[in-house]
Amino acid sequence: MPKLDFSNDDQAAIVARVRDYFLSEFDLDVGRFEAEAILVFFAKEIGAHFYNRGLYDAQSVIVNQVDVINDAIYQLEKAPGD
């Protein structure tokens, strides 16, 4: 099983959440190993979608901020003779 790029504490917390979810939603008591396998599966299969969405969201924020800066620069322009 590949190591996820989380700290040991973070991974343990995520695995605990997976285990709690399966127990509360499906009444399934999955073990730590199984919960880690589920986590790895979802990280591999859909993690890139969430990562890319985060990139798109960050890009949108940057574009909006650049627009604000451009507007501020245009407001500083002076007409000839000022």
PDB file of N, CA and C in Angstrom:
ATOM      1  N   MET A   1       0.848  -1.177   0.000  1.00  0.00           N
ATOM      2  CA  MET A   1       0.000   0.000   0.000  1.00  0.00           C
ATOM      3  C   MET A   1       0.895   1.241   0.000  1.00  0.00           C
ATOM      4  N   PRO A   2       0.696   2.162  -0.962  1.00  0.00           N
ATOM      5  CA  PRO A   2       1.552   3.350  -1.015  1.00  0.00           C
ATOM      6  C   PRO A   2       1.300   4.277   0.162  1.00  0.00           C
ATOM      7  N   LYS A   3       2.339   4.961   0.567  1.00  0.00           N
ATOM      8  CA  LYS A   3       2.224   5.923   1.668  1.00  0.00           C
ATOM      9  C   LYS A   3       1.592   7.199   1.134  1.00  0.00           C
ATOM     10  N   LEU A   4       0.571   7.671   1.821  1.00  0.00           N
ATOM     11  CA  LEU A   4      -0.046   8.929   1.438  1.00  0.00           C
ATOM     12  C   LEU A   4       0.816  10.072   1.936  1.00  0.00           C
ATOM     13  N   ASP A   5       0.670  11.217   1.308  1.00  0.00           N
ATOM     14  CA  ASP A   5       1.495  12.369   1.660  1.00  0.00           C
ATOM     15  C   ASP A   5       0.845  13.176   2.779  1.00  0.00           C
ATOM     16  N   PHE A   6       0.568  12.501   3.895  1.00  0.00           N
ATOM     17  CA  PHE A   6       0.028  13.130   5.093  1.00  0.00           C
ATOM     18  C   PHE A   6       0.957  12.793   6.244  1.00  0.00           C
ATOM     19  N   SER A   7       0.962  13.640   7.249  1.00  0.00           N
ATOM     20  CA  SER A   7       1.719  13.291   8.447  1.00  0.00           C
ATOM     21  C   SER A   7       1.065  12.061   9.076  1.00  0.00           C
ATOM     22  N   ASN A   8       1.803  11.362   9.910  1.00  0.00           N
ATOM     23  CA  ASN A   8       1.239  10.186  10.585  1.00  0.00           C
ATOM     24  C   ASN A   8       0.005  10.548  11.401  1.00  0.00           C
ATOM     25  N   ASP A   9       0.052  11.703  12.070  1.00  0.00           N
ATOM     26  CA  ASP A   9      -1.094  12.145  12.869  1.00  0.00           C
ATOM     27  C   ASP A   9      -2.302  12.444  11.993  1.00  0.00           C
ATOM     28  N   ASP A  10      -2.062  13.131  10.874  1.00  0.00           N
ATOM     29  CA  ASP A  10      -3.170  13.446   9.964  1.00  0.00           C
ATOM     30  C   ASP A  10      -3.774  12.174   9.378  1.00  0.00           C
ATOM     31  N   GLN A  11      -2.914  11.261   8.961  1.00  0.00           N
ATOM     32  CA  GLN A  11      -3.421  10.019   8.372  1.00  0.00           C
ATOM     33  C   GLN A  11      -4.218   9.220   9.404  1.00  0.00           C
ATOM     34  N   ALA A  12      -3.728   9.164  10.621  1.00  0.00           N
ATOM     35  CA  ALA A  12      -4.451   8.439  11.674  1.00  0.00           C
ATOM     36  C   ALA A  12      -5.820   9.081  11.923  1.00  0.00           C
ATOM     37  N   ALA A  13      -5.877  10.413  11.898  1.00  0.00           N
ATOM     38  CA  ALA A  13      -7.145  11.111  12.104  1.00  0.00           C
ATOM     39  C   ALA A  13      -8.113  10.839  10.950  1.00  0.00           C
ATOM     40  N   ILE A  14      -7.605  10.830   9.721  1.00  0.00           N
ATOM     41  CA  ILE A  14      -8.454  10.566   8.562  1.00  0.00           C
ATOM     42  C   ILE A  14      -8.971   9.133   8.609  1.00  0.00           C
ATOM     43  N   VAL A  15      -8.102   8.200   8.918  1.00  0.00           N
ATOM     44  CA  VAL A  15      -8.514   6.792   9.013  1.00  0.00           C
ATOM     45  C   VAL A  15      -9.579   6.629  10.093  1.00  0.00           C
ATOM     46  N   ALA A  16      -9.414   7.305  11.207  1.00  0.00           N
ATOM     47  CA  ALA A  16     -10.424   7.234  12.271  1.00  0.00           C
ATOM     48  C   ALA A  16     -11.760   7.775  11.787  1.00  0.00           C
ATOM     49  N   ARG A  17     -11.733   8.856  10.993  1.00  0.00           N
ATOM     50  CA  ARG A  17     -12.978   9.409  10.446  1.00  0.00           C
ATOM     51  C   ARG A  17     -13.634   8.435   9.480  1.00  0.00           C
ATOM     52  N   VAL A  18     -12.815   7.755   8.654  1.00  0.00           N
ATOM     53  CA  VAL A  18     -13.355   6.757   7.721  1.00  0.00           C
ATOM     54  C   VAL A  18     -14.021   5.636   8.508  1.00  0.00           C
ATOM     55  N   ARG A  19     -13.345   5.157   9.536  1.00  0.00           N
ATOM     56  CA  ARG A  19     -13.900   4.075  10.353  1.00  0.00           C
ATOM     57  C   ARG A  19     -15.202   4.506  11.015  1.00  0.00           C
ATOM     58  N   ASP A  20     -15.207   5.724  11.579  1.00  0.00           N
ATOM     59  CA  ASP A  20     -16.420   6.239  12.226  1.00  0.00           C
ATOM     60  C   ASP A  20     -17.563   6.371  11.220  1.00  0.00           C
ATOM     61  N   TYR A  21     -17.246   6.836  10.024  1.00  0.00           N
ATOM     62  CA  TYR A  21     -18.275   7.008   8.995  1.00  0.00           C
ATOM     63  C   TYR A  21     -18.913   5.670   8.631  1.00  0.00           C
ATOM     64  N   PHE A  22     -18.090   4.667   8.370  1.00  0.00           N
ATOM     65  CA  PHE A  22     -18.621   3.369   7.995  1.00  0.00           C
ATOM     66  C   PHE A  22     -19.445   2.749   9.127  1.00  0.00           C
ATOM     67  N   LEU A  23     -19.017   2.997  10.347  1.00  0.00           N
ATOM     68  CA  LEU A  23     -19.766   2.456  11.480  1.00  0.00           C
ATOM     69  C   LEU A  23     -21.116   3.167  11.635  1.00  0.00           C
ATOM     70  N   SER A  24     -21.107   4.487  11.554  1.00  0.00           N
ATOM     71  CA  SER A  24     -22.352   5.228  11.776  1.00  0.00           C
ATOM     72  C   SER A  24     -23.311   5.141  10.587  1.00  0.00           C
ATOM     73  N   GLU A  25     -22.792   5.131   9.364  1.00  0.00           N
ATOM     74  CA  GLU A  25     -23.663   5.148   8.192  1.00  0.00           C
ATOM     75  C   GLU A  25     -24.089   3.760   7.720  1.00  0.00           C
ATOM     76  N   PHE A  26     -23.211   2.782   7.879  1.00  0.00           N
ATOM     77  CA  PHE A  26     -23.487   1.453   7.334  1.00  0.00           C
ATOM     78  C   PHE A  26     -23.465   0.345   8.376  1.00  0.00           C
ATOM     79  N   ASP A  27     -23.215   0.729   9.617  1.00  0.00           N
ATOM     80  CA  ASP A  27     -23.099  -0.246  10.703  1.00  0.00           C
ATOM     81  C   ASP A  27     -22.042  -1.299  10.386  1.00  0.00           C
ATOM     82  N   LEU A  28     -20.954  -0.841   9.743  1.00  0.00           N
ATOM     83  CA  LEU A  28     -19.827  -1.719   9.407  1.00  0.00           C
ATOM     84  C   LEU A  28     -18.624  -1.311  10.244  1.00  0.00           C
ATOM     85  N   ASP A  29     -18.096  -2.260  10.959  1.00  0.00           N
ATOM     86  CA  ASP A  29     -16.916  -2.002  11.783  1.00  0.00           C
ATOM     87  C   ASP A  29     -15.682  -2.394  10.978  1.00  0.00           C
ATOM     88  N   VAL A  30     -15.147  -1.437  10.203  1.00  0.00           N
ATOM     89  CA  VAL A  30     -13.960  -1.721   9.400  1.00  0.00           C
ATOM     90  C   VAL A  30     -12.715  -1.506  10.258  1.00  0.00           C
ATOM     91  N   GLY A  31     -11.726  -2.309  10.008  1.00  0.00           N
ATOM     92  CA  GLY A  31     -10.479  -2.193  10.751  1.00  0.00           C
ATOM     93  C   GLY A  31      -9.610  -1.075  10.214  1.00  0.00           C
ATOM     94  N   ARG A  32      -8.534  -0.821  10.913  1.00  0.00           N
ATOM     95  CA  ARG A  32      -7.606   0.236  10.510  1.00  0.00           C
ATOM     96  C   ARG A  32      -7.035  -0.037   9.127  1.00  0.00           C
ATOM     97  N   PHE A  33      -6.621  -1.289   8.875  1.00  0.00           N
ATOM     98  CA  PHE A  33      -6.031  -1.646   7.585  1.00  0.00           C
ATOM     99  C   PHE A  33      -7.029  -1.417   6.455  1.00  0.00           C
ATOM    100  N   GLU A  34      -8.267  -1.843   6.654  1.00  0.00           N
ATOM    101  CA  GLU A  34      -9.289  -1.673   5.629  1.00  0.00           C
ATOM    102  C   GLU A  34      -9.587  -0.192   5.397  1.00  0.00           C
ATOM    103  N   ALA A  35      -9.649   0.579   6.466  1.00  0.00           N
ATOM    104  CA  ALA A  35      -9.903   2.018   6.339  1.00  0.00           C
ATOM    105  C   ALA A  35      -8.765   2.703   5.596  1.00  0.00           C
ATOM    106  N   GLU A  36      -7.529   2.285   5.849  1.00  0.00           N
ATOM    107  CA  GLU A  36      -6.395   2.844   5.113  1.00  0.00           C
ATOM    108  C   GLU A  36      -6.493   2.493   3.635  1.00  0.00           C
ATOM    109  N   ALA A  37      -6.905   1.263   3.324  1.00  0.00           N
ATOM    110  CA  ALA A  37      -7.052   0.846   1.936  1.00  0.00           C
ATOM    111  C   ALA A  37      -8.140   1.666   1.242  1.00  0.00           C
ATOM    112  N   ILE A  38      -9.232   1.930   1.940  1.00  0.00           N
ATOM    113  CA  ILE A  38     -10.305   2.762   1.383  1.00  0.00           C
ATOM    114  C   ILE A  38      -9.780   4.163   1.109  1.00  0.00           C
ATOM    115  N   LEU A  39      -9.034   4.706   2.051  1.00  0.00           N
ATOM    116  CA  LEU A  39      -8.463   6.038   1.895  1.00  0.00           C
ATOM    117  C   LEU A  39      -7.535   6.095   0.686  1.00  0.00           C
ATOM    118  N   VAL A  40      -6.669   5.107   0.542  1.00  0.00           N
ATOM    119  CA  VAL A  40      -5.737   5.068  -0.593  1.00  0.00           C
ATOM    120  C   VAL A  40      -6.517   4.960  -1.900  1.00  0.00           C
ATOM    121  N   PHE A  41      -7.539   4.115  -1.917  1.00  0.00           N
ATOM    122  CA  PHE A  41      -8.343   3.951  -3.120  1.00  0.00           C
ATOM    123  C   PHE A  41      -8.958   5.289  -3.546  1.00  0.00           C
ATOM    124  N   PHE A  42      -9.627   5.970  -2.622  1.00  0.00           N
ATOM    125  CA  PHE A  42     -10.260   7.227  -2.974  1.00  0.00           C
ATOM    126  C   PHE A  42      -9.231   8.296  -3.332  1.00  0.00           C
ATOM    127  N   ALA A  43      -8.110   8.304  -2.654  1.00  0.00           N
ATOM    128  CA  ALA A  43      -7.065   9.279  -2.978  1.00  0.00           C
ATOM    129  C   ALA A  43      -6.564   9.059  -4.406  1.00  0.00           C
ATOM    130  N   LYS A  44      -6.356   7.800  -4.779  1.00  0.00           N
ATOM    131  CA  LYS A  44      -5.879   7.486  -6.128  1.00  0.00           C
ATOM    132  C   LYS A  44      -6.936   7.763  -7.181  1.00  0.00           C
ATOM    133  N   GLU A  45      -8.167   7.370  -6.908  1.00  0.00           N
ATOM    134  CA  GLU A  45      -9.208   7.422  -7.925  1.00  0.00           C
ATOM    135  C   GLU A  45      -9.849   8.801  -8.094  1.00  0.00           C
ATOM    136  N   ILE A  46     -10.005   9.551  -7.013  1.00  0.00           N
ATOM    137  CA  ILE A  46     -10.688  10.844  -7.148  1.00  0.00           C
ATOM    138  C   ILE A  46      -9.898  12.008  -6.552  1.00  0.00           C
ATOM    139  N   GLY A  47      -8.783  11.726  -5.916  1.00  0.00           N
ATOM    140  CA  GLY A  47      -7.999  12.793  -5.287  1.00  0.00           C
ATOM    141  C   GLY A  47      -7.582  13.875  -6.262  1.00  0.00           C
ATOM    142  N   ALA A  48      -7.232  13.480  -7.495  1.00  0.00           N
ATOM    143  CA  ALA A  48      -6.794  14.459  -8.486  1.00  0.00           C
ATOM    144  C   ALA A  48      -7.909  15.442  -8.830  1.00  0.00           C
ATOM    145  N   HIS A  49      -9.144  14.983  -8.813  1.00  0.00           N
ATOM    146  CA  HIS A  49     -10.265  15.881  -9.104  1.00  0.00           C
ATOM    147  C   HIS A  49     -10.373  16.982  -8.049  1.00  0.00           C
ATOM    148  N   PHE A  50     -10.226  16.610  -6.783  1.00  0.00           N
ATOM    149  CA  PHE A  50     -10.283  17.599  -5.707  1.00  0.00           C
ATOM    150  C   PHE A  50      -9.068  18.529  -5.755  1.00  0.00           C
ATOM    151  N   TYR A  51      -7.901  17.954  -6.044  1.00  0.00           N
ATOM    152  CA  TYR A  51      -6.677  18.750  -6.150  1.00  0.00           C
ATOM    153  C   TYR A  51      -6.805  19.774  -7.274  1.00  0.00           C
ATOM    154  N   ASN A  52      -7.256  19.311  -8.440  1.00  0.00           N
ATOM    155  CA  ASN A  52      -7.402  20.216  -9.578  1.00  0.00           C
ATOM    156  C   ASN A  52      -8.444  21.290  -9.301  1.00  0.00           C
ATOM    157  N   ARG A  53      -9.525  20.929  -8.624  1.00  0.00           N
ATOM    158  CA  ARG A  53     -10.541  21.924  -8.275  1.00  0.00           C
ATOM    159  C   ARG A  53      -9.934  22.998  -7.366  1.00  0.00           C
ATOM    160  N   GLY A  54      -9.094  22.574  -6.438  1.00  0.00           N
ATOM    161  CA  GLY A  54      -8.404  23.538  -5.577  1.00  0.00           C
ATOM    162  C   GLY A  54      -7.511  24.469  -6.378  1.00  0.00           C
ATOM    163  N   LEU A  55      -6.829  23.919  -7.389  1.00  0.00           N
ATOM    164  CA  LEU A  55      -5.997  24.760  -8.249  1.00  0.00           C
ATOM    165  C   LEU A  55      -6.837  25.767  -9.019  1.00  0.00           C
ATOM    166  N   TYR A  56      -7.966  25.313  -9.569  1.00  0.00           N
ATOM    167  CA  TYR A  56      -8.846  26.223 -10.315  1.00  0.00           C
ATOM    168  C   TYR A  56      -9.379  27.319  -9.412  1.00  0.00           C
ATOM    169  N   ASP A  57      -9.747  26.955  -8.192  1.00  0.00           N
ATOM    170  CA  ASP A  57     -10.244  27.953  -7.245  1.00  0.00           C
ATOM    171  C   ASP A  57      -9.158  28.966  -6.907  1.00  0.00           C
ATOM    172  N   ALA A  58      -7.934  28.485  -6.686  1.00  0.00           N
ATOM    173  CA  ALA A  58      -6.814  29.390  -6.376  1.00  0.00           C
ATOM    174  C   ALA A  58      -6.529  30.304  -7.569  1.00  0.00           C
ATOM    175  N   GLN A  59      -6.572  29.732  -8.770  1.00  0.00           N
ATOM    176  CA  GLN A  59      -6.334  30.522  -9.974  1.00  0.00           C
ATOM    177  C   GLN A  59      -7.393  31.619 -10.112  1.00  0.00           C
ATOM    178  N   SER A  60      -8.621  31.305  -9.812  1.00  0.00           N
ATOM    179  CA  SER A  60      -9.704  32.283  -9.896  1.00  0.00           C
ATOM    180  C   SER A  60      -9.475  33.437  -8.923  1.00  0.00           C
ATOM    181  N   VAL A  61      -9.037  33.121  -7.721  1.00  0.00           N
ATOM    182  CA  VAL A  61      -8.747  34.165  -6.731  1.00  0.00           C
ATOM    183  C   VAL A  61      -7.621  35.067  -7.243  1.00  0.00           C
ATOM    184  N   ILE A  62      -6.586  34.461  -7.798  1.00  0.00           N
ATOM    185  CA  ILE A  62      -5.445  35.244  -8.300  1.00  0.00           C
ATOM    186  C   ILE A  62      -5.887  36.138  -9.454  1.00  0.00           C
ATOM    187  N   VAL A  63      -6.669  35.606 -10.386  1.00  0.00           N
ATOM    188  CA  VAL A  63      -7.148  36.400 -11.519  1.00  0.00           C
ATOM    189  C   VAL A  63      -7.959  37.591 -11.019  1.00  0.00           C
ATOM    190  N   ASN A  64      -8.830  37.353 -10.049  1.00  0.00           N
ATOM    191  CA  ASN A  64      -9.633  38.452  -9.507  1.00  0.00           C
ATOM    192  C   ASN A  64      -8.757  39.505  -8.848  1.00  0.00           C
ATOM    193  N   GLN A  65      -7.735  39.081  -8.141  1.00  0.00           N
ATOM    194  CA  GLN A  65      -6.839  40.042  -7.489  1.00  0.00           C
ATOM    195  C   GLN A  65      -6.026  40.824  -8.514  1.00  0.00           C
ATOM    196  N   VAL A  66      -5.601  40.169  -9.589  1.00  0.00           N
ATOM    197  CA  VAL A  66      -4.874  40.868 -10.656  1.00  0.00           C
ATOM    198  C   VAL A  66      -5.785  41.909 -11.294  1.00  0.00           C
ATOM    199  N   ASP A  67      -7.060  41.585 -11.474  1.00  0.00           N
ATOM    200  CA  ASP A  67      -8.010  42.560 -12.015  1.00  0.00           C
ATOM    201  C   ASP A  67      -8.114  43.776 -11.099  1.00  0.00           C
ATOM    202  N   VAL A  68      -8.156  43.545  -9.796  1.00  0.00           N
ATOM    203  CA  VAL A  68      -8.221  44.659  -8.839  1.00  0.00           C
ATOM    204  C   VAL A  68      -6.966  45.518  -8.946  1.00  0.00           C
ATOM    205  N   ILE A  69      -5.810  44.879  -9.049  1.00  0.00           N
ATOM    206  CA  ILE A  69      -4.544  45.620  -9.166  1.00  0.00           C
ATOM    207  C   ILE A  69      -4.517  46.409 -10.467  1.00  0.00           C
ATOM    208  N   ASN A  70      -4.949  45.775 -11.562  1.00  0.00           N
ATOM    209  CA  ASN A  70      -4.976  46.483 -12.850  1.00  0.00           C
ATOM    210  C   ASN A  70      -5.881  47.707 -12.778  1.00  0.00           C
ATOM    211  N   ASP A  71      -7.043  47.569 -12.165  1.00  0.00           N
ATOM    212  CA  ASP A  71      -7.940  48.709 -12.022  1.00  0.00           C
ATOM    213  C   ASP A  71      -7.275  49.820 -11.211  1.00  0.00           C
ATOM    214  N   ALA A  72      -6.582  49.464 -10.143  1.00  0.00           N
ATOM    215  CA  ALA A  72      -5.901  50.466  -9.311  1.00  0.00           C
ATOM    216  C   ALA A  72      -4.802  51.169 -10.099  1.00  0.00           C
ATOM    217  N   ILE A  73      -4.093  50.431 -10.944  1.00  0.00           N
ATOM    218  CA  ILE A  73      -3.025  51.039 -11.758  1.00  0.00           C
ATOM    219  C   ILE A  73      -3.637  52.001 -12.778  1.00  0.00           C
ATOM    220  N   TYR A  74      -4.723  51.599 -13.420  1.00  0.00           N
ATOM    221  CA  TYR A  74      -5.368  52.485 -14.396  1.00  0.00           C
ATOM    222  C   TYR A  74      -5.844  53.768 -13.738  1.00  0.00           C
ATOM    223  N   GLN A  75      -6.274  53.696 -12.497  1.00  0.00           N
ATOM    224  CA  GLN A  75      -6.727  54.893 -11.783  1.00  0.00           C
ATOM    225  C   GLN A  75      -5.572  55.846 -11.503  1.00  0.00           C
ATOM    226  N   LEU A  76      -4.349  55.333 -11.507  1.00  0.00           N
ATOM    227  CA  LEU A  76      -3.171  56.178 -11.265  1.00  0.00           C
ATOM    228  C   LEU A  76      -2.708  56.900 -12.530  1.00  0.00           C
ATOM    229  N   GLU A  77      -3.195  56.450 -13.691  1.00  0.00           N
ATOM    230  CA  GLU A  77      -2.763  57.086 -14.946  1.00  0.00           C
ATOM    231  C   GLU A  77      -3.141  58.556 -14.954  1.00  0.00           C
ATOM    232  N   LYS A  78      -2.293  59.318 -15.577  1.00  0.00           N
ATOM    233  CA  LYS A  78      -2.517  60.760 -15.702  1.00  0.00           C
ATOM    234  C   LYS A  78      -2.681  61.094 -17.172  1.00  0.00           C
ATOM    235  N   ALA A  79      -3.536  62.021 -17.429  1.00  0.00           N
ATOM    236  CA  ALA A  79      -3.710  62.510 -18.776  1.00  0.00           C
ATOM    237  C   ALA A  79      -2.547  63.446 -19.108  1.00  0.00           C
ATOM    238  N   PRO A  80      -2.168  63.538 -20.364  1.00  0.00           N
ATOM    239  CA  PRO A  80      -1.105  64.477 -20.729  1.00  0.00           C
ATOM    240  C   PRO A  80      -1.486  65.892 -20.302  1.00  0.00           C
ATOM    241  N   GLY A  81      -0.543  66.585 -19.764  1.00  0.00           N
ATOM    242  CA  GLY A  81      -0.762  67.954 -19.313  1.00  0.00           C
ATOM    243  C   GLY A  81      -1.169  68.054 -17.854  1.00  0.00           C
ATOM    244  N   ASP A  82      -1.378  66.898 -17.156  1.00  0.00           N
ATOM    245  CA  ASP A  82      -1.753  66.964 -15.728  1.00  0.00           C
ATOM    246  C   ASP A  82      -0.542  67.253 -14.892  1.00  0.00           C
TER     247      ASP A  82
END
